[in-house]
Protein backbone atom coordinates (compact mmCIF):
# COMPACT_ATOMS: atom_id res chain seq x y z
CA MET A 1 -0.07 0.05 -0.04
CA LYS A 2 2.76 2.37 0.81
CA ARG A 3 4.56 1.57 -2.50
CA ILE A 4 1.31 2.45 -4.38
CA ARG A 5 1.06 5.81 -2.54
CA LEU A 6 4.73 6.48 -3.24
CA LEU A 7 4.23 5.84 -6.93
CA GLY A 8 1.23 8.11 -6.99
CA TRP A 9 3.16 10.96 -5.49
CA VAL A 10 5.92 10.43 -7.98
CA PHE A 11 3.56 10.51 -10.87
CA ILE A 12 1.94 13.80 -9.69
CA VAL A 13 5.32 15.44 -9.28
CA LEU A 14 6.46 14.31 -12.73
CA LEU A 15 3.18 15.74 -14.31
CA ALA A 16 3.69 19.05 -12.45
CA SER A 17 7.31 19.17 -13.68
CA LEU A 18 6.31 18.60 -17.26
CA SER A 19 3.64 21.31 -17.01
CA ILE A 20 6.10 23.84 -15.64
CA VAL A 21 8.67 23.03 -18.33
CA SER A 22 6.05 23.23 -21.02
CA HIS A 23 4.80 26.59 -19.78
CA ALA A 24 8.41 27.99 -19.53
CA GLY A 25 9.02 26.81 -23.12
CA ALA A 26 5.87 28.53 -24.38
CA GLN A 27 6.77 31.69 -22.59
CA GLY A 28 10.32 31.64 -23.96
CA ALA A 29 9.29 30.98 -27.51
CA PRO A 30 9.34 34.12 -29.65
CA HIS A 31 5.94 35.38 -30.84
CA VAL A 32 4.60 38.35 -32.66
CA ASP A 33 1.21 39.99 -31.90
CA VAL A 34 -0.55 41.09 -35.12
CA LEU A 35 -3.33 43.75 -35.37
CA THR A 36 -5.27 44.32 -38.55
CA PHE A 37 -7.22 47.51 -39.23
CA ASP A 38 -9.08 48.38 -42.41
CA GLY A 39 -11.22 51.56 -42.47
CA ALA A 40 -11.41 55.17 -41.20
CA VAL A 41 -9.39 56.08 -38.15
CA SER A 42 -11.49 56.96 -35.10
CA THR A 43 -11.45 56.72 -31.32
CA ALA A 44 -12.39 53.01 -31.71
CA THR A 45 -9.07 52.56 -33.70
CA PHE A 46 -7.16 54.12 -30.80
CA ASP A 47 -8.89 51.76 -28.33
CA TYR A 48 -7.95 48.83 -30.52
CA PHE A 49 -4.37 49.78 -30.99
CA ASP A 50 -3.99 50.68 -27.30
CA ARG A 51 -5.39 47.33 -26.14
CA GLY A 52 -3.11 45.49 -28.63
CA ILE A 53 0.02 47.25 -27.56
CA GLU A 54 -0.73 46.72 -23.87
CA THR A 55 -1.26 43.00 -24.49
CA ALA A 56 2.05 42.83 -26.32
CA GLU A 57 3.85 44.54 -23.44
CA GLN A 58 2.47 42.13 -21.01
CA ASP A 59 2.89 38.87 -22.88
CA GLY A 60 6.48 39.61 -23.96
CA ALA A 61 5.95 39.80 -27.74
CA SER A 62 8.97 40.37 -29.91
CA CYS A 63 7.07 43.10 -31.65
CA VAL A 64 3.61 44.27 -32.64
CA VAL A 65 2.65 44.27 -36.39
CA ILE A 66 -0.13 46.51 -37.45
CA GLN A 67 -1.52 45.69 -40.80
CA LEU A 68 -2.95 48.99 -41.88
CA ASN A 69 -5.27 50.07 -44.74
CA THR A 70 -6.99 53.47 -44.20
CA PRO A 71 -8.06 56.55 -46.24
CA GLY A 72 -7.61 58.67 -43.15
CA GLY A 73 -9.99 59.69 -40.37
CA GLU A 74 -10.29 61.75 -37.24
CA LEU A 75 -7.43 64.06 -36.33
CA GLY A 76 -7.74 63.86 -32.56
CA ALA A 77 -7.66 60.02 -32.66
CA THR A 78 -4.64 60.13 -34.91
CA LEU A 79 -2.69 62.28 -32.50
CA LYS A 80 -3.57 60.01 -29.59
CA ILE A 81 -2.37 56.94 -31.52
CA MET A 82 0.98 58.70 -32.35
CA GLU A 83 1.35 59.59 -28.69
CA ARG A 84 0.67 55.92 -27.69
CA PHE A 85 3.23 54.60 -30.25
CA GLU A 86 5.83 57.00 -28.94
CA ASN A 87 5.32 55.76 -25.37
CA ALA A 88 5.09 52.06 -26.17
CA ARG A 89 7.55 49.62 -24.47
CA VAL A 90 7.54 47.15 -27.37
CA PRO A 91 8.67 47.70 -30.98
CA LEU A 92 5.80 48.61 -33.29
CA VAL A 93 5.78 47.78 -36.98
CA VAL A 94 3.20 49.33 -39.38
CA PHE A 95 2.68 47.26 -42.56
CA ILE A 96 0.60 49.01 -45.22
CA TRP A 97 -1.38 46.02 -46.59
CA PRO A 98 -2.97 44.38 -48.46
CA ARG A 99 -1.71 44.98 -52.05
CA GLY A 100 -3.69 47.95 -53.49
CA GLY A 101 -4.15 49.37 -49.97
CA MET A 102 -3.14 52.73 -48.70
CA ALA A 103 -2.09 54.82 -45.68
CA ALA A 104 -3.52 58.20 -46.75
CA SER A 105 -3.98 61.33 -44.52
CA ALA A 106 -4.20 59.99 -40.89
CA GLY A 107 -2.54 56.71 -42.07
CA THR A 108 0.59 58.60 -43.02
CA TYR A 109 1.06 60.04 -39.53
CA ILE A 110 0.42 56.58 -37.96
CA THR A 111 2.98 54.98 -40.21
CA LEU A 112 5.65 57.58 -39.42
CA ALA A 113 5.08 57.08 -35.64
CA ALA A 114 6.05 53.35 -35.95
CA HIS A 115 9.44 52.11 -35.11
CA VAL A 116 9.53 50.17 -38.44
CA ALA A 117 7.46 51.00 -41.50
CA ALA A 118 6.77 48.54 -44.37
CA MET A 119 4.53 48.58 -47.47
CA ALA A 120 3.20 45.85 -49.62
CA PRO A 121 3.55 46.15 -53.45
CA LYS A 122 0.96 48.47 -55.18
CA THR A 123 0.19 50.45 -52.08
CA THR A 124 0.48 54.19 -51.44
CA ILE A 125 1.18 56.65 -48.63
CA GLY A 126 0.72 60.35 -48.34
CA ALA A 127 -1.95 63.07 -49.02
CA ALA A 128 -1.65 64.21 -45.50
CA ALA A 129 -2.99 67.79 -45.88
CA PRO A 130 -5.66 68.60 -43.31
CA ILE A 131 -9.23 69.37 -44.32
CA SER A 132 -12.32 70.53 -42.46
CA GLY A 133 -14.92 68.19 -41.17
CA GLN A 134 -17.06 69.07 -44.15
CA GLY A 135 -14.42 67.96 -46.61
CA GLN A 136 -13.72 71.59 -47.66
CA GLU A 137 -10.67 73.81 -47.56
CA LEU A 138 -10.01 75.36 -44.14
CA PRO A 139 -10.04 79.23 -43.76
CA GLU A 140 -6.58 80.55 -44.58
CA THR A 141 -5.48 81.46 -41.07
CA ALA A 142 -6.76 78.35 -39.41
CA LYS A 143 -5.31 76.18 -42.22
CA GLU A 144 -1.88 77.77 -41.89
CA LYS A 145 -1.75 77.25 -38.12
CA LEU A 146 -2.92 73.56 -38.40
CA VAL A 147 -0.67 72.75 -41.34
CA ASN A 148 2.39 74.17 -39.44
CA ALA A 149 1.50 72.17 -36.33
CA LEU A 150 1.02 68.90 -38.24
CA ALA A 151 4.09 69.41 -40.34
CA GLY A 152 6.19 69.99 -37.31
CA GLN A 153 4.67 66.88 -35.70
CA ALA A 154 5.28 64.69 -38.73
CA LYS A 155 8.81 65.99 -39.25
CA ASN A 156 9.66 65.09 -35.60
CA PHE A 157 8.71 61.48 -36.23
CA ALA A 158 10.39 61.45 -39.66
CA GLN A 159 13.86 62.74 -38.41
CA ARG A 160 14.97 59.18 -37.60
CA ARG A 161 14.45 58.25 -41.28
CA GLY A 162 16.72 60.87 -42.71
CA GLU A 163 16.66 64.27 -44.49
CA GLU A 164 14.94 63.10 -47.63
CA ALA A 165 12.15 61.54 -45.55
CA VAL A 166 11.69 64.82 -43.67
CA GLU A 167 11.47 66.75 -46.86
CA TRP A 168 8.97 64.38 -48.37
CA VAL A 169 6.80 64.43 -45.22
CA GLU A 170 6.59 68.23 -45.32
CA LYS A 171 5.33 68.07 -48.89
CA ALA A 172 2.88 65.40 -48.01
CA VAL A 173 1.43 67.65 -45.31
CA ARG A 174 1.56 70.95 -47.20
CA GLU A 175 0.93 69.77 -50.80
CA SER A 176 -0.77 66.42 -50.32
CA LEU A 177 2.06 64.54 -52.02
CA VAL A 178 1.60 60.81 -52.48
CA ALA A 179 4.28 58.08 -52.94
CA THR A 180 4.29 54.51 -54.13
CA GLU A 181 6.02 51.89 -52.08
CA GLN A 182 9.21 52.21 -54.28
CA GLU A 183 9.26 55.99 -54.00
CA ALA A 184 8.68 55.80 -50.19
CA LEU A 185 11.45 53.28 -49.82
CA GLU A 186 13.95 55.51 -51.92
CA LYS A 187 13.04 58.58 -49.75
CA GLY A 188 13.48 56.61 -46.56
CA VAL A 189 9.91 57.12 -45.61
CA ILE A 190 9.54 53.37 -45.01
CA ASP A 191 12.15 50.70 -44.11
CA LEU A 192 11.23 47.82 -46.37
CA ILE A 193 8.80 46.35 -48.88
CA ALA A 194 7.26 42.92 -48.09
CA GLY A 195 4.88 40.85 -50.20
CA ASP A 196 3.06 39.34 -47.23
CA LEU A 197 3.15 38.77 -43.48
CA ASP A 198 5.62 35.80 -43.83
CA ASP A 199 7.97 37.87 -45.96
CA LEU A 200 7.80 40.71 -43.51
CA MET A 201 8.66 38.36 -40.56
CA GLY A 202 11.75 37.14 -42.52
CA GLN A 203 13.00 40.64 -43.24
CA LEU A 204 12.40 41.89 -39.71
CA ASP A 205 14.51 39.17 -38.12
CA GLY A 206 17.70 40.47 -36.61
CA ARG A 207 16.77 44.13 -37.18
CA GLU A 208 17.72 46.48 -34.34
CA VAL A 209 15.19 49.19 -33.35
CA THR A 210 15.27 51.81 -30.55
CA VAL A 211 12.17 52.00 -28.39
CA GLY A 212 12.37 55.02 -26.19
CA THR A 213 15.91 54.61 -24.70
CA GLN A 214 16.10 50.83 -25.05
CA GLU A 215 17.57 48.90 -27.93
CA PHE A 216 15.73 45.80 -29.25
CA THR A 217 16.73 43.07 -31.59
CA LEU A 218 13.78 41.58 -33.37
CA HIS A 219 13.50 37.86 -33.43
CA THR A 220 10.72 37.11 -35.91
CA ARG A 221 11.88 34.38 -38.25
CA GLY A 222 9.74 31.31 -37.35
CA ALA A 223 8.06 33.23 -34.52
CA THR A 224 4.49 32.25 -33.57
CA VAL A 225 1.96 34.74 -35.02
CA ILE A 226 -0.91 35.72 -32.64
CA HIS A 227 -3.65 37.69 -34.24
CA ILE A 228 -5.42 40.06 -31.92
CA PRO A 229 -8.91 40.86 -33.42
CA MET A 230 -11.10 43.75 -32.61
CA THR A 231 -13.75 43.34 -29.94
CA PHE A 232 -17.41 43.43 -30.75
CA ILE A 233 -17.74 47.06 -29.66
CA GLU A 234 -14.71 48.13 -31.59
CA GLN A 235 -15.88 46.39 -34.68
CA LEU A 236 -19.36 47.87 -34.28
CA LEU A 237 -17.98 51.42 -34.01
CA SER A 238 -15.70 50.85 -36.99
CA ILE A 239 -18.70 49.52 -38.97
CA LEU A 240 -20.67 52.63 -38.19
CA ILE A 241 -18.14 54.91 -39.81
CA ASN A 242 -18.55 53.06 -43.22
CA PRO A 243 -20.12 55.65 -45.61
CA ASN A 244 -22.76 53.13 -46.75
CA VAL A 245 -23.78 52.26 -43.28
CA ALA A 246 -23.80 55.91 -42.18
CA PHE A 247 -26.05 56.75 -45.18
CA ILE A 248 -28.51 53.94 -44.47
CA LEU A 249 -28.65 54.97 -40.79
CA LEU A 250 -29.40 58.53 -41.74
CA THR A 251 -32.18 57.51 -44.03
CA LEU A 252 -33.79 55.08 -41.53
CA GLY A 253 -33.51 57.78 -38.79
CA VAL A 254 -35.24 60.41 -40.74
CA ASN A 255 -38.02 57.96 -42.00
CA GLY A 256 -38.57 56.72 -38.43
CA LEU A 257 -39.03 60.23 -37.00
CA ILE A 258 -41.33 61.14 -39.89
CA LEU A 259 -43.45 58.00 -39.21
CA GLU A 260 -43.62 58.72 -35.56
CA LEU A 261 -44.65 62.30 -35.98
CA SER A 262 -47.37 61.33 -38.58
CA SER A 263 -48.91 58.76 -36.27
CA PRO A 264 -47.68 59.43 -32.71
CA GLY A 265 -48.25 57.01 -29.89
CA GLY A 266 -46.37 53.85 -31.04
CA TYR A 267 -42.95 55.17 -29.86
CA VAL A 268 -41.08 52.25 -31.60
CA ALA A 269 -40.59 54.22 -34.87
CA GLY A 270 -39.50 57.25 -32.90
CA ILE A 271 -37.03 55.39 -30.75
CA VAL A 272 -35.58 53.47 -33.57
CA GLY A 273 -35.37 56.56 -35.70
CA THR A 274 -33.65 58.59 -33.01
CA VAL A 275 -31.13 55.87 -32.30
CA CYS A 276 -30.28 55.51 -36.09
CA LEU A 277 -29.96 59.22 -36.41
CA LEU A 278 -27.60 59.54 -33.36
CA LEU A 279 -25.40 56.63 -34.78
CA SER A 280 -25.21 58.34 -38.14
CA LEU A 281 -24.09 61.60 -36.42
CA TYR A 282 -21.26 59.56 -34.76
CA ALA A 283 -20.08 58.58 -38.18
CA PHE A 284 -20.35 62.13 -39.53
CA GLN A 285 -17.93 63.21 -36.86
CA VAL A 286 -15.18 61.02 -38.38
CA LEU A 287 -16.05 61.20 -42.06
CA THR A 288 -15.64 64.34 -44.19
CA VAL A 289 -19.31 65.27 -44.46
CA ASN A 290 -20.55 67.85 -46.93
CA TYR A 291 -23.32 69.84 -45.31
CA MET A 292 -24.76 70.77 -48.72
CA GLY A 293 -25.38 67.10 -49.25
CA LEU A 294 -27.18 66.82 -45.86
CA ALA A 295 -29.30 69.91 -46.64
CA LEU A 296 -30.42 68.38 -50.09
CA ILE A 297 -31.39 65.04 -48.34
CA ALA A 298 -33.35 67.03 -45.69
CA LEU A 299 -35.06 69.04 -48.46
CA ALA A 300 -35.99 65.75 -50.21
CA PHE A 301 -37.86 64.50 -47.16
CA VAL A 302 -39.61 67.83 -46.87
CA LEU A 303 -40.83 67.42 -50.49
CA PHE A 304 -41.91 63.84 -49.68
CA VAL A 305 -44.07 65.01 -46.77
CA LEU A 306 -45.49 68.00 -48.64
CA ASP A 307 -46.62 65.70 -51.47
CA ILE A 308 -48.77 63.79 -48.90
CA LYS A 309 -50.36 67.06 -47.67
CA ALA A 310 -50.71 68.88 -50.97
CA PRO A 311 -52.61 67.68 -54.03
CA THR A 312 -49.64 67.63 -56.43
CA HIS A 313 -50.29 64.01 -57.49
CA GLY A 314 -46.68 62.88 -57.24
CA VAL A 315 -44.79 65.90 -58.59
CA LEU A 316 -43.09 66.68 -55.31
CA THR A 317 -42.21 63.01 -54.81
CA VAL A 318 -40.36 62.93 -58.08
CA GLY A 319 -38.56 66.17 -57.14
CA GLY A 320 -37.70 64.64 -53.77
CA ILE A 321 -36.24 61.60 -55.38
CA VAL A 322 -33.91 63.64 -57.59
CA THR A 323 -32.93 65.90 -54.73
CA PHE A 324 -32.29 62.90 -52.41
CA VAL A 325 -29.99 61.35 -55.08
CA LEU A 326 -28.05 64.64 -55.62
CA GLY A 327 -27.54 65.02 -51.88
CA ALA A 328 -26.34 61.49 -51.31
CA LEU A 329 -23.94 61.78 -54.21
CA ILE A 330 -22.21 64.68 -52.58
CA LEU A 331 -22.75 63.73 -48.95
CA PHE A 332 -19.09 62.80 -48.30
CA ASN A 333 -16.92 65.23 -50.12
CA SER A 334 -13.81 63.05 -50.29
CA PRO A 335 -12.34 60.78 -52.91
CA TYR A 336 -11.86 58.05 -50.29
CA TYR A 337 -15.37 58.26 -48.79
CA ALA A 338 -18.17 57.66 -51.10
CA VAL A 339 -21.59 56.05 -50.90
CA SER A 340 -22.20 53.13 -53.32
CA LYS A 341 -24.23 54.57 -56.36
CA SER A 342 -26.34 51.40 -56.55
CA LEU A 343 -27.22 51.77 -52.93
CA ILE A 344 -28.07 55.52 -53.38
CA PHE A 345 -30.49 54.75 -56.30
CA GLY A 346 -31.88 51.75 -54.45
CA VAL A 347 -32.64 53.65 -51.25
CA ALA A 348 -33.92 56.76 -53.14
CA LEU A 349 -36.43 54.58 -55.15
CA ALA A 350 -37.51 52.63 -51.97
CA THR A 351 -38.03 55.95 -50.09
CA GLY A 352 -39.86 57.54 -53.01
CA ALA A 353 -42.01 54.47 -53.40
CA PHE A 354 -42.90 54.45 -49.65
CA PHE A 355 -44.06 58.11 -49.71
CA ALA A 356 -45.87 57.57 -53.02
CA PHE A 357 -47.79 54.61 -51.36
CA VAL A 358 -48.56 56.88 -48.45
CA MET A 359 -49.76 59.68 -50.75
CA ALA A 360 -51.91 57.37 -52.73
CA LYS A 361 -53.58 56.18 -49.51
CA ALA A 362 -54.13 59.80 -48.45
CA LEU A 363 -55.78 60.69 -51.79
CA ARG A 364 -57.95 57.65 -51.58
CA ALA A 365 -59.00 58.50 -47.98
CA GLN A 366 -60.10 61.96 -49.16
CA LYS A 367 -62.59 60.30 -51.55
CA TRP A 368 -64.18 57.95 -48.98
CA TYR A 369 -67.53 58.68 -47.75
CA VAL A 370 -67.96 59.37 -44.08
CA ALA A 371 -69.21 56.18 -42.53
CA THR A 372 -70.82 57.52 -39.33
CA GLY A 373 -73.28 60.21 -38.24
CA ARG A 374 -75.54 62.22 -40.51
CA GLU A 375 -73.06 62.34 -43.32
CA GLY A 376 -72.73 58.59 -43.26
CA LEU A 377 -76.53 58.16 -44.01
CA ILE A 378 -76.73 60.53 -46.94
CA GLY A 379 -76.49 58.63 -50.30
CA GLN A 380 -77.41 55.21 -48.67
CA MET A 381 -80.17 53.00 -50.17
CA ALA A 382 -83.24 52.13 -48.06
CA GLU A 383 -86.28 49.93 -48.59
CA ALA A 384 -89.86 51.32 -48.16
CA ARG A 385 -91.58 49.15 -45.57
CA THR A 386 -94.96 51.14 -46.00
CA ASP A 387 -96.35 53.07 -48.93
CA LEU A 388 -94.72 56.54 -48.99
CA THR A 389 -97.51 59.12 -49.72
CA PRO A 390 -95.24 60.95 -49.22
CA GLU A 391 -94.69 59.96 -45.64
CA GLY A 392 -94.07 56.47 -44.32
CA THR A 393 -91.45 54.08 -43.01
CA VAL A 394 -88.21 52.75 -44.56
CA PHE A 395 -85.71 50.18 -43.44
CA LEU A 396 -82.08 51.24 -43.34
CA ARG A 397 -79.07 49.59 -41.78
CA GLY A 398 -81.11 47.26 -39.74
CA GLU A 399 -83.44 50.08 -38.31
CA HIS A 400 -86.80 51.39 -39.15
CA TRP A 401 -86.89 55.18 -39.90
CA LYS A 402 -89.71 57.67 -40.62
CA ALA A 403 -89.19 58.98 -44.08
CA VAL A 404 -90.65 61.67 -46.35
CA LEU A 405 -90.60 61.13 -50.07
CA GLU A 406 -89.32 64.26 -51.98
CA GLU A 407 -91.63 63.84 -54.99
CA GLY A 408 -94.56 61.55 -55.94
CA THR A 409 -95.26 58.33 -54.12
CA ALA A 410 -93.53 54.96 -53.61
CA GLN A 411 -94.91 51.54 -53.03
CA LYS A 412 -94.04 49.22 -50.23
CA GLY A 413 -90.87 47.21 -51.11
CA GLU A 414 -89.52 49.91 -53.49
CA ARG A 415 -85.92 51.16 -53.06
CA VAL A 416 -85.25 54.79 -52.29
CA GLN A 417 -82.17 56.89 -51.61
CA VAL A 418 -81.45 59.07 -48.63
CA ILE A 419 -80.86 62.69 -49.59
CA ASP A 420 -80.99 64.38 -46.15
CA VAL A 421 -81.49 63.79 -42.50
CA GLU A 422 -83.75 65.99 -40.41
CA GLY A 423 -83.42 64.89 -36.74
CA PHE A 424 -84.88 61.36 -36.70
CA ARG A 425 -86.54 61.68 -40.14
CA LEU A 426 -85.07 60.96 -43.49
CA ARG A 427 -85.71 62.72 -46.69
CA VAL A 428 -85.63 60.30 -49.63
CA LYS A 429 -86.11 60.17 -53.36
CA LYS A 430 -87.07 57.42 -55.76
CA LEU A 431 -84.30 55.84 -57.70
């Protein structure tokens, strides 16, 4: 019995030892944390990058690779990302990917802030000149101040890449200069060109980078790649700033509010409309919205509503559809943010059809006879239950009424029509 117990304890100790050795080996094996971002830069982007960098700092990753594809985005979030990059305790690599992707506007600043910058073939970087939230040129004084501040910020991060890189960066901010991957490599704006993530890992191996005051040697060849995806909330906020999604939310929001105002009391349409409208406004804070486009869309809905109230027989609805399409086409005044044309025409026709249906119902309702009260009886058919000479009794809607025939006489059983109601007596005429 004692031998069996002893063997059991030995077995447990061996298992614990193997577990410790396995855990130590896993911790010691090099690995790389990879973040992937595709879309407009916003506060959700900062949250994602911040969480990914913090994870890498804690789990001892060799470096963090950020696969980036963005047309730009919110300036405040971009500056926060640059600040977070500068204060990171782990090497950061920005990889502009996939092929055909870009790091425009805000993406340029984010790439410059990384410790290592790489681009895939057929990608571009640049066009970093600031614009207003409406996609228009800023006033001269404000523009000069902002451009000078951003140029200085970008040059600070580009200094470690050489004089040519600093010169190019200043032109990218002041003149919206754009570079291909080859041009960026020649100017020193990026450090290398890689076809894919595996190629990037091979080229990064052995590279020495400075993070703050510390020197790091990257060990990436054969390293385990750990992908850190966006959380549900981060994904949701990123989806909201998609131009197509923002446009749909705006349309649903306005339709919901109009429906609630036209038939109050249900609350569902009003609540859904308000939520959709607020979510679209969140997207408009990030995207370069043209307020003229918003005004045209608002005018379109005014025309739709007026066509229901006024007897124009669809003329205002057609005008509303045209105005709606024009507003949607210029809603985002940026070459990188545009609503799908097929979506625009589809939503415009669906919205126009909805209001045309409502208008048809309204016109039809205007022609209906009143079904109750005095007006509801006029024009109805009744049956004489006695001879009308000219007074007598008629049967109407399951009731007997006293009636007076307007002209002549009518025999019992004949059909007569009500032409007026005088108290509890009907005035009728022969058909």
